[in-house]
């Protein structure tokens, strides 16, 4: 009995070590194309998110918490808190870079400020993809986690959207991680109902998300993802 327990503990330790290595490799793999994309263009919404981030960081600095919201000003929107936190971090890094002469511009709204925000956003979305990998791996196995992370992490649409200061990819990733964590916590599906081909299941779910317009799962995408997760 003791030997079996030791073997089980060793197996869990090895599995955890493999998952850590895969997590690091995945982070690097999905970060590289995002960094290569960051700083090369400006999307329609980014100047607005930059202004919101400036207002948000100023509100925090002066303890005017009622102004620390994306619903203030024009155009107003919700959600957006996570995006503005990243913009605030980027603004601090931009100021530090200007202070030592590495970055330029008289305002955070300058090209260097936007590029800094895009780099910070790229790092954040890459880290969230690693969290998604770990969540799916613990729920459905390492193969499922890797396929999910690679499909989401390397899809051209996801790469481009993950390298701009915007809320969509953050919302999509955080929502997906939450759903996977909930399914794992509830034990859904049970052992008897687990899919026989987790890689195919993960690929189907990832493609459903990747193919949905604006990363908001459409009706068709939802049912395709639901069917994949059910193991059909």
C-alpha atoms as a PDB file:
ATOM      1  CA  UNK A   1       0.000   0.000   0.000  1.00  0.00           C
ATOM      2  CA  UNK A   2       2.784   2.410   0.918  1.00  0.00           C
ATOM      3  CA  UNK A   3       4.634   1.597  -2.314  1.00  0.00           C
ATOM      4  CA  UNK A   4       1.509   2.225  -4.361  1.00  0.00           C
ATOM      5  CA  UNK A   5       0.968   5.537  -2.606  1.00  0.00           C
ATOM      6  CA  UNK A   6       4.570   6.541  -3.325  1.00  0.00           C
ATOM      7  CA  UNK A   7       4.174   5.575  -6.989  1.00  0.00           C
ATOM      8  CA  UNK A   8       1.009   7.651  -7.217  1.00  0.00           C
ATOM      9  CA  UNK A   9       2.702  10.643  -5.631  1.00  0.00           C
ATOM     10  CA  UNK A  10       5.658  10.312  -8.015  1.00  0.00           C
ATOM     11  CA  UNK A  11       3.316  10.141 -11.001  1.00  0.00           C
ATOM     12  CA  UNK A  12       1.500  13.279  -9.882  1.00  0.00           C
ATOM     13  CA  UNK A  13       4.808  15.074  -9.372  1.00  0.00           C
ATOM     14  CA  UNK A  14       5.982  14.103 -12.867  1.00  0.00           C
ATOM     15  CA  UNK A  15       2.677  15.211 -14.374  1.00  0.00           C
ATOM     16  CA  UNK A  16       2.933  18.545 -12.594  1.00  0.00           C
ATOM     17  CA  UNK A  17       6.501  19.024 -13.822  1.00  0.00           C
ATOM     18  CA  UNK A  18       5.480  18.269 -17.417  1.00  0.00           C
ATOM     19  CA  UNK A  19       2.599  20.717 -17.163  1.00  0.00           C
ATOM     20  CA  UNK A  20       4.924  23.451 -15.887  1.00  0.00           C
ATOM     21  CA  UNK A  21       7.326  22.948 -18.777  1.00  0.00           C
ATOM     22  CA  UNK A  22       4.473  22.953 -21.288  1.00  0.00           C
ATOM     23  CA  UNK A  23       3.084  26.110 -19.681  1.00  0.00           C
ATOM     24  CA  UNK A  24       6.401  27.944 -20.087  1.00  0.00           C
ATOM     25  CA  UNK A  25       6.820  26.736 -23.682  1.00  0.00           C
ATOM     26  CA  UNK A  26       3.250  27.722 -24.547  1.00  0.00           C
ATOM     27  CA  UNK A  27       3.686  31.186 -23.052  1.00  0.00           C
ATOM     28  CA  UNK A  28       6.756  31.832 -25.203  1.00  0.00           C
ATOM     29  CA  UNK A  29       5.122  30.346 -28.304  1.00  0.00           C
ATOM     30  CA  UNK A  30       1.968  32.479 -28.120  1.00  0.00           C
ATOM     31  CA  UNK A  31       3.776  35.613 -26.918  1.00  0.00           C
ATOM     32  CA  UNK A  32       6.201  35.836 -29.856  1.00  0.00           C
ATOM     33  CA  UNK A  33       3.605  36.491 -32.602  1.00  0.00           C
ATOM     34  CA  UNK A  34       1.776  38.959 -30.351  1.00  0.00           C
ATOM     35  CA  UNK A  35       4.938  40.945 -29.675  1.00  0.00           C
ATOM     36  CA  UNK A  36       5.719  40.859 -33.401  1.00  0.00           C
ATOM     37  CA  UNK A  37       2.278  42.379 -34.023  1.00  0.00           C
ATOM     38  CA  UNK A  38       2.301  44.990 -31.241  1.00  0.00           C
ATOM     39  CA  UNK A  39       3.230  48.543 -32.171  1.00  0.00           C
ATOM     40  CA  UNK A  40       2.545  48.116 -35.885  1.00  0.00           C
ATOM     41  CA  UNK A  41      -0.938  49.588 -36.213  1.00  0.00           C
ATOM     42  CA  UNK A  42      -3.753  51.382 -34.407  1.00  0.00           C
ATOM     43  CA  UNK A  43      -7.306  50.039 -34.305  1.00  0.00           C
ATOM     44  CA  UNK A  44     -10.388  52.252 -34.260  1.00  0.00           C
ATOM     45  CA  UNK A  45     -11.147  51.735 -30.574  1.00  0.00           C
ATOM     46  CA  UNK A  46      -7.639  52.007 -29.149  1.00  0.00           C
ATOM     47  CA  UNK A  47      -7.413  55.809 -28.824  1.00  0.00           C
ATOM     48  CA  UNK A  48     -10.634  55.645 -26.804  1.00  0.00           C
ATOM     49  CA  UNK A  49      -9.239  52.911 -24.545  1.00  0.00           C
ATOM     50  CA  UNK A  50      -6.039  54.925 -24.127  1.00  0.00           C
ATOM     51  CA  UNK A  51      -8.069  57.954 -23.002  1.00  0.00           C
ATOM     52  CA  UNK A  52     -10.114  55.788 -20.645  1.00  0.00           C
ATOM     53  CA  UNK A  53      -6.901  54.366 -19.194  1.00  0.00           C
ATOM     54  CA  UNK A  54      -5.537  57.869 -18.598  1.00  0.00           C
ATOM     55  CA  UNK A  55      -8.766  58.900 -16.868  1.00  0.00           C
ATOM     56  CA  UNK A  56      -8.784  55.656 -14.860  1.00  0.00           C
ATOM     57  CA  UNK A  57      -5.165  55.987 -13.692  1.00  0.00           C
ATOM     58  CA  UNK A  58      -5.670  59.670 -12.811  1.00  0.00           C
ATOM     59  CA  UNK A  59      -8.772  58.760 -10.809  1.00  0.00           C
ATOM     60  CA  UNK A  60      -6.807  56.151  -8.863  1.00  0.00           C
ATOM     61  CA  UNK A  61      -3.859  58.487  -8.297  1.00  0.00           C
ATOM     62  CA  UNK A  62      -6.104  61.243  -6.912  1.00  0.00           C
ATOM     63  CA  UNK A  63      -8.515  58.866  -5.118  1.00  0.00           C
ATOM     64  CA  UNK A  64     -11.472  59.983  -7.254  1.00  0.00           C
ATOM     65  CA  UNK A  65     -12.831  56.471  -7.397  1.00  0.00           C
ATOM     66  CA  UNK A  66     -16.199  57.512  -8.841  1.00  0.00           C
ATOM     67  CA  UNK A  67     -14.336  58.406 -12.049  1.00  0.00           C
ATOM     68  CA  UNK A  68     -12.537  55.039 -12.298  1.00  0.00           C
ATOM     69  CA  UNK A  69     -15.029  53.520 -14.708  1.00  0.00           C
ATOM     70  CA  UNK A  70     -15.328  52.913 -18.430  1.00  0.00           C
ATOM     71  CA  UNK A  71     -18.948  54.065 -18.263  1.00  0.00           C
ATOM     72  CA  UNK A  72     -17.830  57.662 -17.683  1.00  0.00           C
ATOM     73  CA  UNK A  73     -17.359  59.982 -20.644  1.00  0.00           C
ATOM     74  CA  UNK A  74     -18.053  59.525 -24.337  1.00  0.00           C
ATOM     75  CA  UNK A  75     -18.307  56.977 -25.710  1.00  0.00           C
ATOM     76  CA  UNK A  76     -19.124  55.004 -22.571  1.00  0.00           C
ATOM     77  CA  UNK A  77     -18.930  51.228 -22.416  1.00  0.00           C
ATOM     78  CA  UNK A  78     -18.939  48.267 -20.074  1.00  0.00           C
ATOM     79  CA  UNK A  79     -17.028  46.108 -19.273  1.00  0.00           C
ATOM     80  CA  UNK A  80     -13.490  47.428 -19.406  1.00  0.00           C
ATOM     81  CA  UNK A  81     -11.939  47.499 -15.954  1.00  0.00           C
ATOM     82  CA  UNK A  82      -9.286  44.909 -16.799  1.00  0.00           C
ATOM     83  CA  UNK A  83      -8.345  46.766 -19.979  1.00  0.00           C
ATOM     84  CA  UNK A  84      -7.923  50.033 -18.096  1.00  0.00           C
ATOM     85  CA  UNK A  85      -5.780  48.349 -15.437  1.00  0.00           C
ATOM     86  CA  UNK A  86      -3.473  47.155 -18.220  1.00  0.00           C
ATOM     87  CA  UNK A  87      -3.492  50.652 -19.704  1.00  0.00           C
ATOM     88  CA  UNK A  88      -2.584  52.066 -16.290  1.00  0.00           C
ATOM     89  CA  UNK A  89       0.337  49.643 -15.952  1.00  0.00           C
ATOM     90  CA  UNK A  90       1.455  50.526 -19.477  1.00  0.00           C
ATOM     91  CA  UNK A  91       1.255  54.234 -18.683  1.00  0.00           C
ATOM     92  CA  UNK A  92       3.541  53.749 -15.697  1.00  0.00           C
ATOM     93  CA  UNK A  93       6.027  51.772 -17.793  1.00  0.00           C
ATOM     94  CA  UNK A  94       5.883  54.386 -20.554  1.00  0.00           C
ATOM     95  CA  UNK A  95       6.650  57.150 -18.059  1.00  0.00           C
ATOM     96  CA  UNK A  96       9.594  55.151 -16.721  1.00  0.00           C
ATOM     97  CA  UNK A  97      10.832  54.542 -20.271  1.00  0.00           C
ATOM     98  CA  UNK A  98      10.600  58.241 -21.107  1.00  0.00           C
ATOM     99  CA  UNK A  99      12.450  59.059 -17.901  1.00  0.00           C
ATOM    100  CA  UNK A 100      15.476  56.977 -18.905  1.00  0.00           C
ATOM    101  CA  UNK A 101      15.302  57.963 -22.572  1.00  0.00           C
ATOM    102  CA  UNK A 102      14.182  54.607 -23.952  1.00  0.00           C
ATOM    103  CA  UNK A 103      10.754  55.855 -25.022  1.00  0.00           C
ATOM    104  CA  UNK A 104       9.539  59.174 -26.376  1.00  0.00           C
ATOM    105  CA  UNK A 105       6.443  61.335 -26.563  1.00  0.00           C
ATOM    106  CA  UNK A 106       4.899  64.141 -24.559  1.00  0.00           C
ATOM    107  CA  UNK A 107       1.733  62.170 -23.847  1.00  0.00           C
ATOM    108  CA  UNK A 108       0.744  58.556 -23.177  1.00  0.00           C
ATOM    109  CA  UNK A 109      -1.426  58.896 -26.293  1.00  0.00           C
ATOM    110  CA  UNK A 110       1.750  59.080 -28.398  1.00  0.00           C
ATOM    111  CA  UNK A 111       2.841  56.173 -30.645  1.00  0.00           C
ATOM    112  CA  UNK A 112       5.343  54.949 -28.036  1.00  0.00           C
ATOM    113  CA  UNK A 113       2.626  55.032 -25.388  1.00  0.00           C
ATOM    114  CA  UNK A 114       0.288  52.964 -27.541  1.00  0.00           C
ATOM    115  CA  UNK A 115       3.055  50.493 -28.400  1.00  0.00           C
ATOM    116  CA  UNK A 116       3.795  50.068 -24.687  1.00  0.00           C
ATOM    117  CA  UNK A 117       0.112  49.389 -24.013  1.00  0.00           C
ATOM    118  CA  UNK A 118       0.003  46.815 -26.803  1.00  0.00           C
ATOM    119  CA  UNK A 119       3.067  45.019 -25.440  1.00  0.00           C
ATOM    120  CA  UNK A 120       1.548  44.897 -21.943  1.00  0.00           C
ATOM    121  CA  UNK A 121      -1.718  43.592 -23.383  1.00  0.00           C
ATOM    122  CA  UNK A 122       0.196  40.955 -25.377  1.00  0.00           C
ATOM    123  CA  UNK A 123       1.885  39.692 -22.214  1.00  0.00           C
ATOM    124  CA  UNK A 124      -1.429  39.618 -20.346  1.00  0.00           C
ATOM    125  CA  UNK A 125      -3.317  37.685 -23.026  1.00  0.00           C
ATOM    126  CA  UNK A 126      -0.437  35.222 -23.396  1.00  0.00           C
ATOM    127  CA  UNK A 127      -0.486  34.624 -19.643  1.00  0.00           C
ATOM    128  CA  UNK A 128      -4.258  34.055 -19.747  1.00  0.00           C
ATOM    129  CA  UNK A 129      -3.814  31.476 -22.502  1.00  0.00           C
ATOM    130  CA  UNK A 130      -1.411  29.628 -20.198  1.00  0.00           C
ATOM    131  CA  UNK A 131      -4.029  29.779 -17.437  1.00  0.00           C
ATOM    132  CA  UNK A 132      -6.534  28.336 -19.926  1.00  0.00           C
ATOM    133  CA  UNK A 133      -4.044  25.561 -20.756  1.00  0.00           C
ATOM    134  CA  UNK A 134      -3.673  24.637 -17.093  1.00  0.00           C
ATOM    135  CA  UNK A 135      -7.423  24.814 -16.453  1.00  0.00           C
ATOM    136  CA  UNK A 136      -8.297  22.561 -19.392  1.00  0.00           C
ATOM    137  CA  UNK A 137      -5.408  20.180 -18.617  1.00  0.00           C
ATOM    138  CA  UNK A 138      -6.650  19.679 -15.063  1.00  0.00           C
ATOM    139  CA  UNK A 139     -10.197  19.253 -16.315  1.00  0.00           C
ATOM    140  CA  UNK A 140      -9.788  17.068 -19.416  1.00  0.00           C
ATOM    141  CA  UNK A 141      -6.091  16.160 -19.649  1.00  0.00           C
ATOM    142  CA  UNK A 142      -2.836  17.581 -20.983  1.00  0.00           C
ATOM    143  CA  UNK A 143      -3.598  16.846 -24.644  1.00  0.00           C
ATOM    144  CA  UNK A 144      -6.872  18.754 -24.462  1.00  0.00           C
ATOM    145  CA  UNK A 145      -5.161  21.656 -22.713  1.00  0.00           C
ATOM    146  CA  UNK A 146      -2.367  21.882 -25.273  1.00  0.00           C
ATOM    147  CA  UNK A 147      -4.697  21.732 -28.269  1.00  0.00           C
ATOM    148  CA  UNK A 148      -6.967  24.385 -26.772  1.00  0.00           C
ATOM    149  CA  UNK A 149      -4.041  26.688 -25.991  1.00  0.00           C
ATOM    150  CA  UNK A 150      -2.458  26.286 -29.428  1.00  0.00           C
ATOM    151  CA  UNK A 151      -5.691  26.818 -31.357  1.00  0.00           C
ATOM    152  CA  UNK A 152      -6.586  29.893 -29.329  1.00  0.00           C
ATOM    153  CA  UNK A 153      -3.011  31.102 -28.984  1.00  0.00           C
ATOM    154  CA  UNK A 154      -1.943  30.873 -32.623  1.00  0.00           C
ATOM    155  CA  UNK A 155      -5.147  31.646 -34.511  1.00  0.00           C
ATOM    156  CA  UNK A 156      -4.442  34.781 -36.616  1.00  0.00           C
ATOM    157  CA  UNK A 157      -7.581  36.546 -35.351  1.00  0.00           C
ATOM    158  CA  UNK A 158      -6.705  35.811 -31.727  1.00  0.00           C
ATOM    159  CA  UNK A 159      -3.083  36.885 -32.232  1.00  0.00           C
ATOM    160  CA  UNK A 160      -4.104  40.229 -33.717  1.00  0.00           C
ATOM    161  CA  UNK A 161      -6.803  40.918 -31.129  1.00  0.00           C
ATOM    162  CA  UNK A 162      -4.451  39.913 -28.316  1.00  0.00           C
ATOM    163  CA  UNK A 163      -1.930  42.549 -29.358  1.00  0.00           C
ATOM    164  CA  UNK A 164      -4.216  45.588 -29.131  1.00  0.00           C
ATOM    165  CA  UNK A 165      -5.457  47.484 -26.081  1.00  0.00           C
ATOM    166  CA  UNK A 166      -9.049  46.271 -26.125  1.00  0.00           C
ATOM    167  CA  UNK A 167     -11.465  44.361 -23.937  1.00  0.00           C
ATOM    168  CA  UNK A 168     -12.705  41.608 -26.284  1.00  0.00           C
ATOM    169  CA  UNK A 169      -9.966  38.989 -25.980  1.00  0.00           C
ATOM    170  CA  UNK A 170      -9.614  39.570 -22.254  1.00  0.00           C
ATOM    171  CA  UNK A 171     -13.354  39.039 -21.805  1.00  0.00           C
ATOM    172  CA  UNK A 172     -13.361  35.932 -23.997  1.00  0.00           C
ATOM    173  CA  UNK A 173     -10.388  34.316 -22.246  1.00  0.00           C
ATOM    174  CA  UNK A 174     -11.492  35.151 -18.720  1.00  0.00           C
ATOM    175  CA  UNK A 175     -15.004  33.909 -19.443  1.00  0.00           C
ATOM    176  CA  UNK A 176     -13.738  30.655 -20.949  1.00  0.00           C
ATOM    177  CA  UNK A 177     -11.361  30.050 -18.039  1.00  0.00           C
ATOM    178  CA  UNK A 178     -14.231  30.625 -15.636  1.00  0.00           C
ATOM    179  CA  UNK A 179     -16.471  28.131 -17.436  1.00  0.00           C
ATOM    180  CA  UNK A 180     -13.749  25.466 -17.537  1.00  0.00           C
ATOM    181  CA  UNK A 181     -12.934  25.997 -13.860  1.00  0.00           C
ATOM    182  CA  UNK A 182     -16.628  25.715 -12.979  1.00  0.00           C
ATOM    183  CA  UNK A 183     -17.006  22.495 -14.977  1.00  0.00           C
ATOM    184  CA  UNK A 184     -13.920  21.059 -13.274  1.00  0.00           C
ATOM    185  CA  UNK A 185     -15.169  22.052  -9.819  1.00  0.00           C
ATOM    186  CA  UNK A 186     -18.580  20.491 -10.457  1.00  0.00           C
ATOM    187  CA  UNK A 187     -17.066  17.338 -11.961  1.00  0.00           C
ATOM    188  CA  UNK A 188     -18.848  17.881 -15.288  1.00  0.00           C
ATOM    189  CA  UNK A 189     -18.782  15.618 -17.165  1.00  0.00           C
ATOM    190  CA  UNK A 190     -18.311  12.691 -14.792  1.00  0.00           C
ATOM    191  CA  UNK A 191     -15.641  10.095 -15.410  1.00  0.00           C
ATOM    192  CA  UNK A 192     -18.047   7.874 -17.319  1.00  0.00           C
ATOM    193  CA  UNK A 193     -18.960  10.763 -19.582  1.00  0.00           C
ATOM    194  CA  UNK A 194     -15.504  12.059 -20.352  1.00  0.00           C
ATOM    195  CA  UNK A 195     -14.780  12.295 -24.092  1.00  0.00           C
ATOM    196  CA  UNK A 196     -12.705   9.502 -25.565  1.00  0.00           C
ATOM    197  CA  UNK A 197     -10.782  11.935 -27.803  1.00  0.00           C
ATOM    198  CA  UNK A 198     -10.010  15.026 -25.702  1.00  0.00           C
ATOM    199  CA  UNK A 199      -7.792  16.541 -28.398  1.00  0.00           C
ATOM    200  CA  UNK A 200     -10.659  16.521 -30.897  1.00  0.00           C
ATOM    201  CA  UNK A 201     -13.003  17.964 -28.294  1.00  0.00           C
ATOM    202  CA  UNK A 202     -10.597  20.796 -27.483  1.00  0.00           C
ATOM    203  CA  UNK A 203      -9.970  21.521 -31.172  1.00  0.00           C
ATOM    204  CA  UNK A 204     -13.689  21.736 -31.846  1.00  0.00           C
ATOM    205  CA  UNK A 205     -14.281  24.057 -28.913  1.00  0.00           C
ATOM    206  CA  UNK A 206     -11.305  26.251 -29.826  1.00  0.00           C
ATOM    207  CA  UNK A 207     -12.357  26.488 -33.469  1.00  0.00           C
ATOM    208  CA  UNK A 208     -15.875  27.398 -32.400  1.00  0.00           C
ATOM    209  CA  UNK A 209     -14.533  30.285 -30.329  1.00  0.00           C
ATOM    210  CA  UNK A 210     -12.006  31.325 -32.960  1.00  0.00           C
ATOM    211  CA  UNK A 211     -14.624  31.352 -35.705  1.00  0.00           C
ATOM    212  CA  UNK A 212     -17.230  33.362 -33.845  1.00  0.00           C
ATOM    213  CA  UNK A 213     -17.579  36.990 -34.833  1.00  0.00           C
ATOM    214  CA  UNK A 214     -15.767  39.511 -32.599  1.00  0.00           C
ATOM    215  CA  UNK A 215     -14.877  36.670 -30.171  1.00  0.00           C
ATOM    216  CA  UNK A 216     -18.468  36.735 -28.905  1.00  0.00           C
ATOM    217  CA  UNK A 217     -19.826  33.228 -29.374  1.00  0.00           C
ATOM    218  CA  UNK A 218     -22.635  33.274 -31.926  1.00  0.00           C
ATOM    219  CA  UNK A 219     -25.548  30.845 -31.863  1.00  0.00           C
ATOM    220  CA  UNK A 220     -23.873  28.486 -34.335  1.00  0.00           C
ATOM    221  CA  UNK A 221     -20.546  28.722 -32.549  1.00  0.00           C
ATOM    222  CA  UNK A 222     -22.190  28.043 -29.202  1.00  0.00           C
ATOM    223  CA  UNK A 223     -23.890  24.862 -30.365  1.00  0.00           C
ATOM    224  CA  UNK A 224     -20.732  23.651 -32.130  1.00  0.00           C
ATOM    225  CA  UNK A 225     -18.733  24.204 -28.948  1.00  0.00           C
ATOM    226  CA  UNK A 226     -21.407  22.558 -26.811  1.00  0.00           C
ATOM    227  CA  UNK A 227     -21.451  19.519 -29.087  1.00  0.00           C
ATOM    228  CA  UNK A 228     -17.654  19.280 -28.981  1.00  0.00           C
ATOM    229  CA  UNK A 229     -17.537  19.502 -25.206  1.00  0.00           C
ATOM    230  CA  UNK A 230     -20.211  16.819 -24.965  1.00  0.00           C
ATOM    231  CA  UNK A 231     -17.856  14.509 -26.871  1.00  0.00           C
ATOM    232  CA  UNK A 232     -19.972  14.150 -30.011  1.00  0.00           C
END
